[in-house]
Amino acid sequence: MSTEPPQYPPPDDDPFKKQPPGGPSPGSGAGSPYDTPPPGGGAPYGNTPPGPGGGSPYGGGGGPYGGDPYGGGPGGYGGQDPLAGMPPLADSGKRVLARIIDMVLVGIVVWLLSWLFNTSEYDVDPDKVDTGRSFGQSLLAAVLYMAYDTVMISRTGQTLGKKLLGMRVANLEDGATPGMQTALARAAVLWLPFAFCCACVWTAICGGWSFFDKPYKQGLHDKAAKTVVVSV
């Protein structure tokens, strides 16, 4: 039996997660920024000491407080492009096509289950449309679409439509595959209106937002979940 203690945390096996910028890794002997500097080495943070014109002890610049002490830049990502190290953003037109494919696939299942449980809202005679059944089918559609999106995205970042067209969903922060909670939040924003009203209009607005969004081409559901869709 091995006497070596277990290592925490476990290694990250997500092949899509962005890697940290090049440089010495923790524990490589490069020293800590909090170590005592060598003689003549300057301030412990590697910046000029505070004082008139000396800047902030945290390396910030500009403004009466020396700028953002946390190194924040445009967009709040430390001045670095969060897309660095990720594939290019997916084309919005391909995203729409992938969504249509997914809607058709899940729609077939919704229709079959609606027929099986007699909750179909469609009838040739509009006077025979049952409001209760109509809501039942809409609720069924919302639940199935949310479950489909949540499970598929949290597993591989891809629905069948996205996989077919060569794209995937990624966390904007680190490029990793979204977790279950993130995928559920993203799916809820996109599909919950199906249970109520204006489902098609909301889906068009929510997904179509990526055509105009800058710089990350996010739909409203992407913004809520802090995700992007990239090519693979």
Protein backbone atom coordinates (compact mmCIF):
# COMPACT_ATOMS: atom_id res chain seq x y z
CA MET A 1 0.00 0.00 0.00
CA SER A 2 1.38 3.40 -0.95
CA THR A 3 2.18 5.75 1.88
CA GLU A 4 2.09 8.84 -0.31
CA PRO A 5 -0.68 11.28 0.65
CA PRO A 6 -3.39 11.93 -1.96
CA GLN A 7 -2.90 14.94 -4.16
CA TYR A 8 -5.47 17.73 -4.10
CA PRO A 9 -7.04 19.02 -6.23
CA PRO A 10 -7.32 16.19 -8.81
CA PRO A 11 -5.88 16.88 -12.26
CA ASP A 12 -8.14 18.73 -14.69
CA ASP A 13 -8.92 16.43 -17.60
CA ASP A 14 -10.93 18.92 -19.65
CA PRO A 15 -8.98 19.04 -22.96
CA PHE A 16 -10.60 22.33 -23.94
CA LYS A 17 -9.68 24.35 -20.86
CA LYS A 18 -7.31 27.19 -21.56
CA GLN A 19 -3.81 26.75 -20.23
CA PRO A 20 -2.17 29.45 -18.11
CA PRO A 21 0.30 31.77 -19.84
CA GLY A 22 3.85 30.48 -20.16
CA GLY A 23 6.07 30.88 -17.18
CA PRO A 24 7.14 29.08 -14.06
CA SER A 25 4.41 27.15 -12.34
CA PRO A 26 3.75 27.22 -8.61
CA GLY A 27 6.30 25.18 -6.69
CA SER A 28 8.93 25.38 -9.42
CA GLY A 29 11.33 27.25 -7.18
CA ALA A 30 10.66 30.61 -8.79
CA GLY A 31 9.91 32.08 -5.38
CA SER A 32 6.89 33.89 -4.03
CA PRO A 33 6.02 37.54 -4.77
CA TYR A 34 5.84 37.94 -1.03
CA ASP A 35 9.42 36.73 -0.40
CA THR A 36 11.93 39.23 0.90
CA PRO A 37 13.50 40.90 -2.15
CA PRO A 38 17.24 40.73 -2.67
CA PRO A 39 19.31 43.82 -1.97
CA GLY A 40 18.52 46.42 -4.58
CA GLY A 41 15.64 44.34 -5.88
CA GLY A 42 13.05 47.02 -5.28
CA ALA A 43 9.64 46.72 -3.71
CA PRO A 44 8.27 43.26 -2.85
CA TYR A 45 5.70 43.53 -5.64
CA GLY A 46 8.24 44.35 -8.30
CA ASN A 47 7.00 47.93 -8.74
CA THR A 48 8.24 51.33 -7.75
CA PRO A 49 7.46 52.32 -4.18
CA PRO A 50 4.47 54.53 -3.52
CA GLY A 51 5.05 58.20 -3.49
CA PRO A 52 4.63 61.22 -5.75
CA GLY A 53 4.66 59.86 -9.25
CA GLY A 54 5.66 56.45 -7.96
CA GLY A 55 2.37 54.70 -8.72
CA SER A 56 0.49 52.19 -6.64
CA PRO A 57 2.25 49.46 -4.64
CA TYR A 58 0.08 47.01 -6.63
CA GLY A 59 1.34 48.17 -9.98
CA GLY A 60 -1.71 50.22 -10.96
CA GLY A 61 -1.37 53.42 -12.91
CA GLY A 62 -3.39 56.54 -13.43
CA GLY A 63 -5.99 58.16 -11.25
CA PRO A 64 -5.63 59.43 -7.71
CA TYR A 65 -5.51 55.86 -6.36
CA GLY A 66 -3.06 54.46 -8.86
CA GLY A 67 -5.69 52.72 -10.99
CA ASP A 68 -7.38 49.42 -10.31
CA PRO A 69 -5.36 47.65 -7.57
CA TYR A 70 -6.50 44.31 -9.01
CA GLY A 71 -5.18 44.98 -12.49
CA GLY A 72 -8.65 45.23 -14.00
CA GLY A 73 -8.94 46.28 -17.61
CA PRO A 74 -11.75 46.69 -20.11
CA GLY A 75 -14.38 44.10 -19.41
CA GLY A 76 -13.01 43.29 -15.96
CA TYR A 77 -10.69 40.49 -17.12
CA GLY A 78 -7.40 41.92 -15.91
CA GLY A 79 -6.75 43.75 -19.16
CA GLN A 80 -6.35 40.47 -21.06
CA ASP A 81 -8.64 39.15 -23.77
CA PRO A 82 -10.55 36.22 -22.23
CA LEU A 83 -10.69 34.61 -25.69
CA ALA A 84 -6.90 34.30 -25.82
CA GLY A 85 -6.00 30.64 -26.16
CA MET A 86 -9.47 29.62 -27.42
CA PRO A 87 -10.62 28.78 -30.96
CA PRO A 88 -12.35 31.53 -32.96
CA LEU A 89 -15.94 32.41 -32.16
CA ALA A 90 -18.54 30.42 -34.09
CA ASP A 91 -20.46 32.05 -36.92
CA SER A 92 -23.88 33.28 -35.79
CA GLY A 93 -25.56 31.88 -38.89
CA LYS A 94 -24.22 28.39 -38.12
CA ARG A 95 -25.44 28.78 -34.56
CA VAL A 96 -28.97 29.44 -35.81
CA LEU A 97 -28.82 26.40 -38.08
CA ALA A 98 -27.58 24.23 -35.20
CA ARG A 99 -30.43 25.50 -33.02
CA ILE A 100 -32.97 24.65 -35.71
CA ILE A 101 -31.56 21.12 -35.94
CA ASP A 102 -31.86 20.72 -32.16
CA MET A 103 -35.39 22.11 -32.14
CA VAL A 104 -36.48 19.66 -34.83
CA LEU A 105 -34.93 16.70 -33.02
CA VAL A 106 -36.43 17.58 -29.64
CA GLY A 107 -39.68 18.66 -31.29
CA ILE A 108 -40.19 15.17 -32.65
CA VAL A 109 -39.89 13.77 -29.12
CA VAL A 110 -42.29 16.45 -27.81
CA TRP A 111 -44.85 15.55 -30.49
CA LEU A 112 -44.61 11.83 -29.75
CA LEU A 113 -45.00 12.34 -26.00
CA SER A 114 -47.84 14.81 -26.51
CA TRP A 115 -49.65 12.28 -28.66
CA LEU A 116 -48.96 9.51 -26.14
CA PHE A 117 -50.29 11.52 -23.17
CA ASN A 118 -53.01 13.27 -25.19
CA THR A 119 -51.70 16.77 -24.50
CA SER A 120 -51.49 17.99 -28.10
CA GLU A 121 -52.55 21.61 -28.55
CA TYR A 122 -53.18 21.34 -32.29
CA ASP A 123 -56.59 20.78 -33.81
CA VAL A 124 -58.10 21.51 -37.20
CA ASP A 125 -61.06 23.20 -35.52
CA PRO A 126 -59.85 26.17 -33.45
CA ASP A 127 -62.98 25.90 -31.28
CA LYS A 128 -61.74 22.53 -30.04
CA VAL A 129 -58.36 23.74 -28.83
CA ASP A 130 -58.04 22.97 -25.12
CA THR A 131 -56.13 25.65 -23.21
CA GLY A 132 -55.04 23.17 -20.56
CA ARG A 133 -53.62 20.81 -23.14
CA SER A 134 -51.97 23.70 -24.91
CA PHE A 135 -50.13 24.71 -21.74
CA GLY A 136 -49.32 21.06 -21.04
CA GLN A 137 -47.57 20.65 -24.36
CA SER A 138 -45.75 23.98 -23.97
CA LEU A 139 -44.55 22.99 -20.50
CA LEU A 140 -43.46 19.59 -21.79
CA ALA A 141 -41.51 21.26 -24.60
CA ALA A 142 -39.79 23.67 -22.19
CA VAL A 143 -38.77 20.87 -19.83
CA LEU A 144 -37.44 18.64 -22.59
CA TYR A 145 -35.52 21.42 -24.31
CA MET A 146 -33.97 22.50 -21.00
CA ALA A 147 -33.05 18.93 -20.06
CA TYR A 148 -31.57 18.27 -23.51
CA ASP A 149 -29.48 21.45 -23.52
CA THR A 150 -28.35 21.09 -19.90
CA VAL A 151 -27.21 17.47 -20.16
CA MET A 152 -25.53 17.78 -23.55
CA ILE A 153 -23.76 21.09 -22.84
CA SER A 154 -22.53 20.03 -19.39
CA ARG A 155 -21.09 16.78 -20.80
CA THR A 156 -19.25 17.92 -23.91
CA GLY A 157 -20.24 21.53 -24.58
CA GLN A 158 -22.11 20.34 -27.68
CA THR A 159 -25.67 19.56 -28.60
CA LEU A 160 -26.18 17.31 -31.62
CA GLY A 161 -26.68 20.35 -33.83
CA LYS A 162 -23.51 22.02 -32.60
CA LYS A 163 -21.54 18.81 -32.95
CA LEU A 164 -22.75 18.38 -36.51
CA LEU A 165 -21.71 21.91 -37.45
CA GLY A 166 -18.40 21.95 -35.55
CA MET A 167 -18.90 24.25 -32.58
CA ARG A 168 -19.17 24.05 -28.82
CA VAL A 169 -20.12 26.11 -25.78
CA ALA A 170 -17.28 27.22 -23.49
CA ASN A 171 -16.94 29.23 -20.30
CA LEU A 172 -15.79 32.72 -21.21
CA GLU A 173 -13.48 32.83 -18.20
CA ASP A 174 -11.35 29.75 -18.87
CA GLY A 175 -12.59 28.01 -22.02
CA ALA A 176 -13.68 24.92 -20.10
CA THR A 177 -16.86 22.95 -20.72
CA PRO A 178 -19.67 24.54 -18.66
CA GLY A 179 -20.70 22.73 -15.51
CA MET A 180 -24.21 21.50 -14.80
CA GLN A 181 -25.26 24.66 -12.98
CA THR A 182 -23.97 26.95 -15.72
CA ALA A 183 -25.56 24.82 -18.44
CA LEU A 184 -28.90 24.82 -16.58
CA ALA A 185 -28.88 28.60 -16.17
CA ARG A 186 -28.11 29.02 -19.87
CA ALA A 187 -30.88 26.62 -20.90
CA ALA A 188 -33.42 28.17 -18.53
CA VAL A 189 -32.98 31.65 -19.98
CA LEU A 190 -33.40 30.28 -23.50
CA TRP A 191 -36.24 27.78 -23.02
CA LEU A 192 -38.42 28.72 -20.01
CA PRO A 193 -40.63 31.05 -22.11
CA PHE A 194 -41.78 27.96 -24.01
CA ALA A 195 -44.01 27.16 -21.04
CA PHE A 196 -45.80 30.51 -21.21
CA CYS A 197 -46.04 32.68 -24.31
CA CYS A 198 -44.10 34.27 -27.15
CA ALA A 199 -41.74 31.30 -27.20
CA CYS A 200 -40.65 31.67 -30.82
CA VAL A 201 -40.23 35.44 -30.50
CA TRP A 202 -38.11 35.13 -27.36
CA THR A 203 -35.97 32.36 -28.87
CA ALA A 204 -35.31 34.53 -31.92
CA ILE A 205 -34.36 37.52 -29.77
CA CYS A 206 -32.29 35.51 -27.30
CA GLY A 207 -30.31 33.61 -29.92
CA GLY A 208 -30.27 36.38 -32.52
CA TRP A 209 -28.57 38.71 -30.09
CA SER A 210 -25.27 37.10 -31.07
CA PHE A 211 -25.49 38.73 -34.51
CA PHE A 212 -25.09 42.17 -32.93
CA ASP A 213 -23.20 41.53 -29.70
CA LYS A 214 -19.62 42.77 -29.47
CA PRO A 215 -17.00 41.55 -28.88
CA TYR A 216 -18.00 38.01 -27.85
CA LYS A 217 -21.05 37.33 -30.08
CA GLN A 218 -23.10 36.18 -27.09
CA GLY A 219 -26.79 35.44 -27.08
CA LEU A 220 -28.74 36.66 -24.06
CA HIS A 221 -28.54 33.15 -22.61
CA ASP A 222 -24.74 33.25 -23.05
CA LYS A 223 -24.56 36.55 -21.22
CA ALA A 224 -26.57 35.15 -18.33
CA ALA A 225 -24.31 32.10 -18.05
CA LYS A 226 -21.02 33.87 -19.02
CA THR A 227 -20.39 31.51 -21.92
CA VAL A 228 -19.39 31.83 -25.57
CA VAL A 229 -19.78 29.54 -28.58
CA VAL A 230 -16.53 28.72 -30.39
CA SER A 231 -15.54 26.65 -33.40
CA VAL A 232 -13.89 23.24 -32.99
